Amino acid sequence: MKFVILLLALCGGCSLISARGPSPERPTCTTSYAAPIVDTVATAVFGGLTAAAAWGAFHSTGLEQVSYNVAWPAAALPTTGFALSGIFGYVRVAHCRNATR
């Protein structure tokens, strides 16, 4: 599981990096939904970590609660980044597919 999380973290924002929309200057664009799907999976993984940490913060006390209160925002930041990257990728790929029909 740690390997999967590390792999997803290294690929942060795959769609922002690899999804290309149609343009007159560039004859090819991205028609594959692979990068947005990777971002969707990463969003689900980090979203689960965020939910688990938020649940832990709600149901704990003392020093343990402090660590959870730090953990859930730390997990929420990449969740948001992956979600926005995935949306960007889905839109770019859809525009490309519509332009190449």
N, C-alpha and C. Protein backbone atom coordinates (compact mmCIF):
# COMPACT_ATOMS: atom_id res chain seq x y z
N MET A 1 0.83 -1.20 0.00
CA MET A 1 0.00 0.00 0.00
C MET A 1 0.87 1.26 0.00
N LYS A 2 1.97 1.22 0.74
CA LYS A 2 2.85 2.39 0.78
C LYS A 2 3.42 2.67 -0.61
N PHE A 3 3.72 1.61 -1.36
CA PHE A 3 4.25 1.78 -2.71
C PHE A 3 3.23 2.47 -3.62
N VAL A 4 1.97 2.08 -3.49
CA VAL A 4 0.91 2.67 -4.32
C VAL A 4 0.78 4.16 -3.99
N ILE A 5 0.79 4.50 -2.72
CA ILE A 5 0.67 5.91 -2.32
C ILE A 5 1.87 6.71 -2.81
N LEU A 6 3.07 6.12 -2.70
CA LEU A 6 4.26 6.80 -3.20
C LEU A 6 4.19 7.00 -4.71
N LEU A 7 3.75 5.99 -5.42
CA LEU A 7 3.62 6.08 -6.88
C LEU A 7 2.63 7.17 -7.27
N LEU A 8 1.50 7.22 -6.58
CA LEU A 8 0.50 8.25 -6.88
C LEU A 8 1.02 9.64 -6.56
N ALA A 9 1.77 9.75 -5.46
CA ALA A 9 2.32 11.05 -5.08
C ALA A 9 3.35 11.54 -6.10
N LEU A 10 4.13 10.62 -6.64
CA LEU A 10 5.13 10.99 -7.64
C LEU A 10 4.48 11.40 -8.96
N CYS A 11 3.31 10.89 -9.22
CA CYS A 11 2.60 11.20 -10.47
C CYS A 11 1.62 12.35 -10.26
N GLY A 12 1.82 13.13 -9.23
CA GLY A 12 0.88 14.19 -8.86
C GLY A 12 0.47 15.06 -10.03
N GLY A 13 -0.80 15.06 -10.30
CA GLY A 13 -1.33 15.88 -11.37
C GLY A 13 -0.99 15.37 -12.75
N CYS A 14 -1.12 14.07 -12.94
CA CYS A 14 -0.79 13.47 -14.24
C CYS A 14 -1.50 14.17 -15.39
N SER A 15 -2.74 14.53 -15.20
CA SER A 15 -3.51 15.17 -16.28
C SER A 15 -2.98 16.56 -16.60
N LEU A 16 -2.54 17.28 -15.58
CA LEU A 16 -1.99 18.60 -15.83
C LEU A 16 -0.73 18.52 -16.68
N ILE A 17 0.02 17.44 -16.51
CA ILE A 17 1.28 17.27 -17.22
C ILE A 17 1.06 16.69 -18.62
N SER A 18 0.19 15.69 -18.72
CA SER A 18 0.15 14.92 -19.97
C SER A 18 -1.07 15.14 -20.86
N ALA A 19 -2.16 15.67 -20.35
CA ALA A 19 -3.36 15.83 -21.18
C ALA A 19 -3.24 17.09 -22.05
N ARG A 20 -3.32 16.88 -23.34
CA ARG A 20 -3.22 17.99 -24.30
C ARG A 20 -4.53 18.13 -25.06
N GLY A 21 -5.04 19.33 -25.08
CA GLY A 21 -6.27 19.60 -25.81
C GLY A 21 -5.96 19.95 -27.26
N PRO A 22 -6.98 20.05 -28.08
CA PRO A 22 -6.76 20.40 -29.49
C PRO A 22 -6.35 21.86 -29.64
N SER A 23 -5.46 22.10 -30.60
CA SER A 23 -5.08 23.47 -30.93
C SER A 23 -4.57 23.50 -32.36
N PRO A 24 -4.67 24.63 -33.03
CA PRO A 24 -4.20 24.72 -34.42
C PRO A 24 -2.69 24.50 -34.55
N GLU A 25 -1.92 24.89 -33.54
CA GLU A 25 -0.47 24.75 -33.60
C GLU A 25 -0.01 23.30 -33.41
N ARG A 26 -0.80 22.52 -32.72
CA ARG A 26 -0.43 21.15 -32.39
C ARG A 26 -1.42 20.19 -33.04
N PRO A 27 -0.97 19.41 -34.03
CA PRO A 27 -1.92 18.55 -34.74
C PRO A 27 -2.44 17.36 -33.92
N THR A 28 -1.73 16.97 -32.90
CA THR A 28 -2.18 15.83 -32.10
C THR A 28 -2.59 16.29 -30.71
N CYS A 29 -3.53 15.57 -30.14
CA CYS A 29 -3.96 15.85 -28.77
C CYS A 29 -4.23 14.52 -28.07
N THR A 30 -4.51 14.59 -26.80
CA THR A 30 -4.68 13.38 -25.99
C THR A 30 -6.10 12.85 -26.11
N THR A 31 -6.22 11.61 -26.57
CA THR A 31 -7.54 10.98 -26.67
C THR A 31 -7.75 9.90 -25.62
N SER A 32 -6.73 9.61 -24.85
CA SER A 32 -6.81 8.57 -23.84
C SER A 32 -7.19 9.15 -22.47
N TYR A 33 -8.08 8.46 -21.79
CA TYR A 33 -8.49 8.87 -20.45
C TYR A 33 -7.58 8.30 -19.36
N ALA A 34 -6.41 7.76 -19.70
CA ALA A 34 -5.53 7.11 -18.72
C ALA A 34 -5.10 8.07 -17.61
N ALA A 35 -4.59 9.23 -17.96
CA ALA A 35 -4.11 10.17 -16.94
C ALA A 35 -5.23 10.66 -16.02
N PRO A 36 -6.40 11.05 -16.55
CA PRO A 36 -7.48 11.44 -15.64
C PRO A 36 -7.94 10.28 -14.74
N ILE A 37 -7.88 9.06 -15.24
CA ILE A 37 -8.27 7.92 -14.41
C ILE A 37 -7.27 7.73 -13.28
N VAL A 38 -5.98 7.91 -13.56
CA VAL A 38 -4.97 7.83 -12.50
C VAL A 38 -5.23 8.91 -11.45
N ASP A 39 -5.57 10.11 -11.91
CA ASP A 39 -5.89 11.18 -10.96
C ASP A 39 -7.14 10.86 -10.15
N THR A 40 -8.11 10.21 -10.76
CA THR A 40 -9.33 9.82 -10.05
C THR A 40 -9.02 8.79 -8.97
N VAL A 41 -8.18 7.83 -9.29
CA VAL A 41 -7.78 6.81 -8.30
C VAL A 41 -7.02 7.48 -7.16
N ALA A 42 -6.11 8.39 -7.49
CA ALA A 42 -5.35 9.10 -6.45
C ALA A 42 -6.28 9.93 -5.57
N THR A 43 -7.28 10.55 -6.18
CA THR A 43 -8.26 11.32 -5.41
C THR A 43 -8.99 10.41 -4.43
N ALA A 44 -9.36 9.22 -4.88
CA ALA A 44 -10.06 8.28 -4.00
C ALA A 44 -9.16 7.82 -2.86
N VAL A 45 -7.90 7.53 -3.16
CA VAL A 45 -6.97 7.07 -2.11
C VAL A 45 -6.74 8.16 -1.08
N PHE A 46 -6.37 9.35 -1.54
CA PHE A 46 -6.12 10.44 -0.60
C PHE A 46 -7.40 10.93 0.06
N GLY A 47 -8.52 10.83 -0.62
CA GLY A 47 -9.80 11.16 0.00
C GLY A 47 -10.12 10.21 1.14
N GLY A 48 -9.82 8.93 0.95
CA GLY A 48 -10.00 7.95 2.03
C GLY A 48 -9.10 8.24 3.21
N LEU A 49 -7.85 8.61 2.94
CA LEU A 49 -6.94 8.97 4.02
C LEU A 49 -7.43 10.21 4.76
N THR A 50 -7.96 11.17 4.00
CA THR A 50 -8.49 12.39 4.62
C THR A 50 -9.68 12.05 5.52
N ALA A 51 -10.58 11.22 5.03
CA ALA A 51 -11.75 10.83 5.82
C ALA A 51 -11.33 10.07 7.07
N ALA A 52 -10.37 9.17 6.94
CA ALA A 52 -9.91 8.40 8.10
C ALA A 52 -9.26 9.31 9.14
N ALA A 53 -8.46 10.26 8.69
CA ALA A 53 -7.81 11.18 9.62
C ALA A 53 -8.82 12.11 10.28
N ALA A 54 -9.82 12.57 9.52
CA ALA A 54 -10.86 13.43 10.10
C ALA A 54 -11.68 12.66 11.12
N TRP A 55 -11.98 11.40 10.82
CA TRP A 55 -12.72 10.56 11.77
C TRP A 55 -11.89 10.35 13.03
N GLY A 56 -10.60 10.12 12.86
CA GLY A 56 -9.72 9.96 14.02
C GLY A 56 -9.65 11.21 14.86
N ALA A 57 -9.62 12.38 14.23
CA ALA A 57 -9.59 13.64 14.97
C ALA A 57 -10.87 13.84 15.77
N PHE A 58 -11.98 13.41 15.21
CA PHE A 58 -13.26 13.57 15.89
C PHE A 58 -13.40 12.63 17.07
N HIS A 59 -12.82 11.45 16.97
CA HIS A 59 -13.01 10.42 17.99
C HIS A 59 -11.79 10.21 18.90
N SER A 60 -10.91 11.18 19.00
CA SER A 60 -9.75 11.02 19.86
C SER A 60 -9.61 12.25 20.75
N THR A 61 -8.71 12.14 21.71
CA THR A 61 -8.49 13.25 22.64
C THR A 61 -6.99 13.45 22.85
N GLY A 62 -6.65 14.59 23.39
CA GLY A 62 -5.27 14.86 23.77
C GLY A 62 -4.32 14.96 22.59
N LEU A 63 -3.11 14.44 22.82
CA LEU A 63 -2.05 14.51 21.83
C LEU A 63 -2.40 13.75 20.55
N GLU A 64 -3.13 12.66 20.70
CA GLU A 64 -3.55 11.90 19.53
C GLU A 64 -4.45 12.75 18.63
N GLN A 65 -5.33 13.54 19.24
CA GLN A 65 -6.22 14.40 18.46
C GLN A 65 -5.42 15.46 17.71
N VAL A 66 -4.38 15.97 18.34
CA VAL A 66 -3.54 16.97 17.69
C VAL A 66 -2.90 16.40 16.43
N SER A 67 -2.40 15.16 16.52
CA SER A 67 -1.76 14.56 15.34
C SER A 67 -2.77 14.33 14.22
N TYR A 68 -3.99 13.93 14.56
CA TYR A 68 -5.02 13.77 13.53
C TYR A 68 -5.43 15.12 12.94
N ASN A 69 -5.45 16.15 13.78
CA ASN A 69 -5.82 17.48 13.28
C ASN A 69 -4.77 18.02 12.31
N VAL A 70 -3.55 17.53 12.38
CA VAL A 70 -2.52 17.89 11.42
C VAL A 70 -2.63 16.99 10.19
N ALA A 71 -2.98 15.73 10.40
CA ALA A 71 -2.98 14.74 9.31
C ALA A 71 -4.08 14.98 8.29
N TRP A 72 -5.28 15.32 8.75
CA TRP A 72 -6.36 15.41 7.75
C TRP A 72 -6.19 16.58 6.80
N PRO A 73 -5.72 17.76 7.23
CA PRO A 73 -5.47 18.80 6.21
C PRO A 73 -4.31 18.43 5.29
N ALA A 74 -3.31 17.73 5.84
CA ALA A 74 -2.17 17.31 5.02
C ALA A 74 -2.62 16.32 3.95
N ALA A 75 -3.60 15.49 4.24
CA ALA A 75 -4.13 14.56 3.24
C ALA A 75 -5.14 15.25 2.32
N ALA A 76 -5.79 16.28 2.80
CA ALA A 76 -6.80 16.97 1.98
C ALA A 76 -6.16 17.78 0.85
N LEU A 77 -4.95 18.29 1.06
CA LEU A 77 -4.31 19.09 0.01
C LEU A 77 -4.05 18.28 -1.26
N PRO A 78 -3.40 17.11 -1.18
CA PRO A 78 -3.24 16.35 -2.43
C PRO A 78 -4.55 15.84 -2.99
N THR A 79 -5.53 15.58 -2.12
CA THR A 79 -6.85 15.15 -2.61
C THR A 79 -7.42 16.22 -3.53
N THR A 80 -7.35 17.45 -3.10
CA THR A 80 -7.86 18.57 -3.90
C THR A 80 -7.06 18.72 -5.19
N GLY A 81 -5.75 18.62 -5.10
CA GLY A 81 -4.91 18.75 -6.29
C GLY A 81 -5.19 17.67 -7.33
N PHE A 82 -5.30 16.42 -6.87
CA PHE A 82 -5.59 15.33 -7.80
C PHE A 82 -6.99 15.49 -8.40
N ALA A 83 -7.95 15.91 -7.60
CA ALA A 83 -9.32 16.09 -8.11
C ALA A 83 -9.36 17.16 -9.20
N LEU A 84 -8.71 18.29 -8.94
CA LEU A 84 -8.69 19.36 -9.94
C LEU A 84 -7.94 18.95 -11.20
N SER A 85 -6.84 18.23 -11.03
CA SER A 85 -6.09 17.73 -12.18
C SER A 85 -6.93 16.75 -12.99
N GLY A 86 -7.66 15.87 -12.33
CA GLY A 86 -8.51 14.91 -13.03
C GLY A 86 -9.61 15.60 -13.82
N ILE A 87 -10.24 16.59 -13.22
CA ILE A 87 -11.29 17.34 -13.93
C ILE A 87 -10.69 18.01 -15.16
N PHE A 88 -9.56 18.65 -15.00
CA PHE A 88 -8.86 19.29 -16.12
C PHE A 88 -8.58 18.27 -17.23
N GLY A 89 -8.10 17.10 -16.85
CA GLY A 89 -7.79 16.06 -17.83
C GLY A 89 -9.02 15.55 -18.56
N TYR A 90 -10.10 15.29 -17.82
CA TYR A 90 -11.33 14.82 -18.47
C TYR A 90 -11.85 15.84 -19.47
N VAL A 91 -11.79 17.12 -19.12
CA VAL A 91 -12.26 18.18 -20.03
C VAL A 91 -11.38 18.26 -21.27
N ARG A 92 -10.06 18.22 -21.08
CA ARG A 92 -9.13 18.28 -22.22
C ARG A 92 -9.34 17.10 -23.17
N VAL A 93 -9.44 15.89 -22.62
CA VAL A 93 -9.61 14.70 -23.46
C VAL A 93 -10.95 14.76 -24.19
N ALA A 94 -12.00 15.19 -23.51
CA ALA A 94 -13.31 15.30 -24.16
C ALA A 94 -13.26 16.30 -25.32
N HIS A 95 -12.60 17.44 -25.11
CA HIS A 95 -12.45 18.42 -26.20
C HIS A 95 -11.68 17.83 -27.36
N CYS A 96 -10.62 17.09 -27.06
CA CYS A 96 -9.83 16.46 -28.11
C CYS A 96 -10.65 15.44 -28.89
N ARG A 97 -11.39 14.61 -28.16
CA ARG A 97 -12.21 13.59 -28.85
C ARG A 97 -13.28 14.25 -29.71
N ASN A 98 -13.88 15.33 -29.24
CA ASN A 98 -14.89 16.03 -30.05
C ASN A 98 -14.26 16.67 -31.29
N ALA A 99 -13.06 17.17 -31.15
CA ALA A 99 -12.40 17.83 -32.28
C ALA A 99 -11.91 16.84 -33.33
N THR A 100 -11.63 15.61 -32.92
CA THR A 100 -11.11 14.62 -33.87
C THR A 100 -12.19 13.72 -34.45
N ARG A 101 -13.44 14.00 -34.20
CA ARG A 101 -14.54 13.20 -34.77
C ARG A 101 -14.74 13.51 -36.21
